[in-house]
Amino acid sequence: MQLEYVVRMDTDLRSVSWATVSESDLRYNCFLGDVILTDGIVDLSARWGWISVYDFALSMQWVLADLARTGEAVLTFTESDATIRFTRAEERVEISTSYAPGFVRVAMSDLEHSSRDFATRLSRDGEHRHPDLTGNPHWLRLRHA
C-alpha cells in the first residue's frame, strides 16, 4: 500500500508565525494538498489540492485506535462529505471510499506502519521548511502520533 502526500507550495504562508500558529490553523489552513492512497491497482487518492495533510495524519492515528478497539473507522474529510471507511477482519483491513470505486486490502501492521511513516515524513518535511515549528506544541503532537 502506498500512503503519501503532496503539499501545495502555492499557498501564501509567509505571514504565519510557525512557533505560535494555532492548532486550528495547522489542521485546516496549513499544509494543504493531496493524499495518495493506492495499492498499485485501485487508486483511492484524494487529489483535490485542499486536503489538510496535517489533519489527515492526526486522523489516521484515531482511525488506528478505532480499528483496534471496534474493528471499524470512518475518516471524514473536513468541509466535505467524502469519507474513507476502514473495516478490520482479523489482521486485514479493507479500505473503501465514498468518492472512488473499489477497495484496498492491507495487513493491519502495514496500515499502522504506513500511517506512522506518513506522520514522520510530514513532521520532518514541515520542520525542514519551517524550522520554528519545532517549538510549536500543537505541531509536536504529530511527532508523537
Foldseek 3Di string as FASTA:
>chain_A
DAWAWDFDPPQDCVPPPLLEDDLVCLQAPPRFAKIWDDPVPFTPIGGPRRFNLQNVLVVLVVQLVCCVVPQKDWDATPPDRKIWIWGDDPQKIWIDIPPGDDIDIDGSVVSVVNSLVRLVVVLVVVCVVPVSNVNHPSNVVSVVD
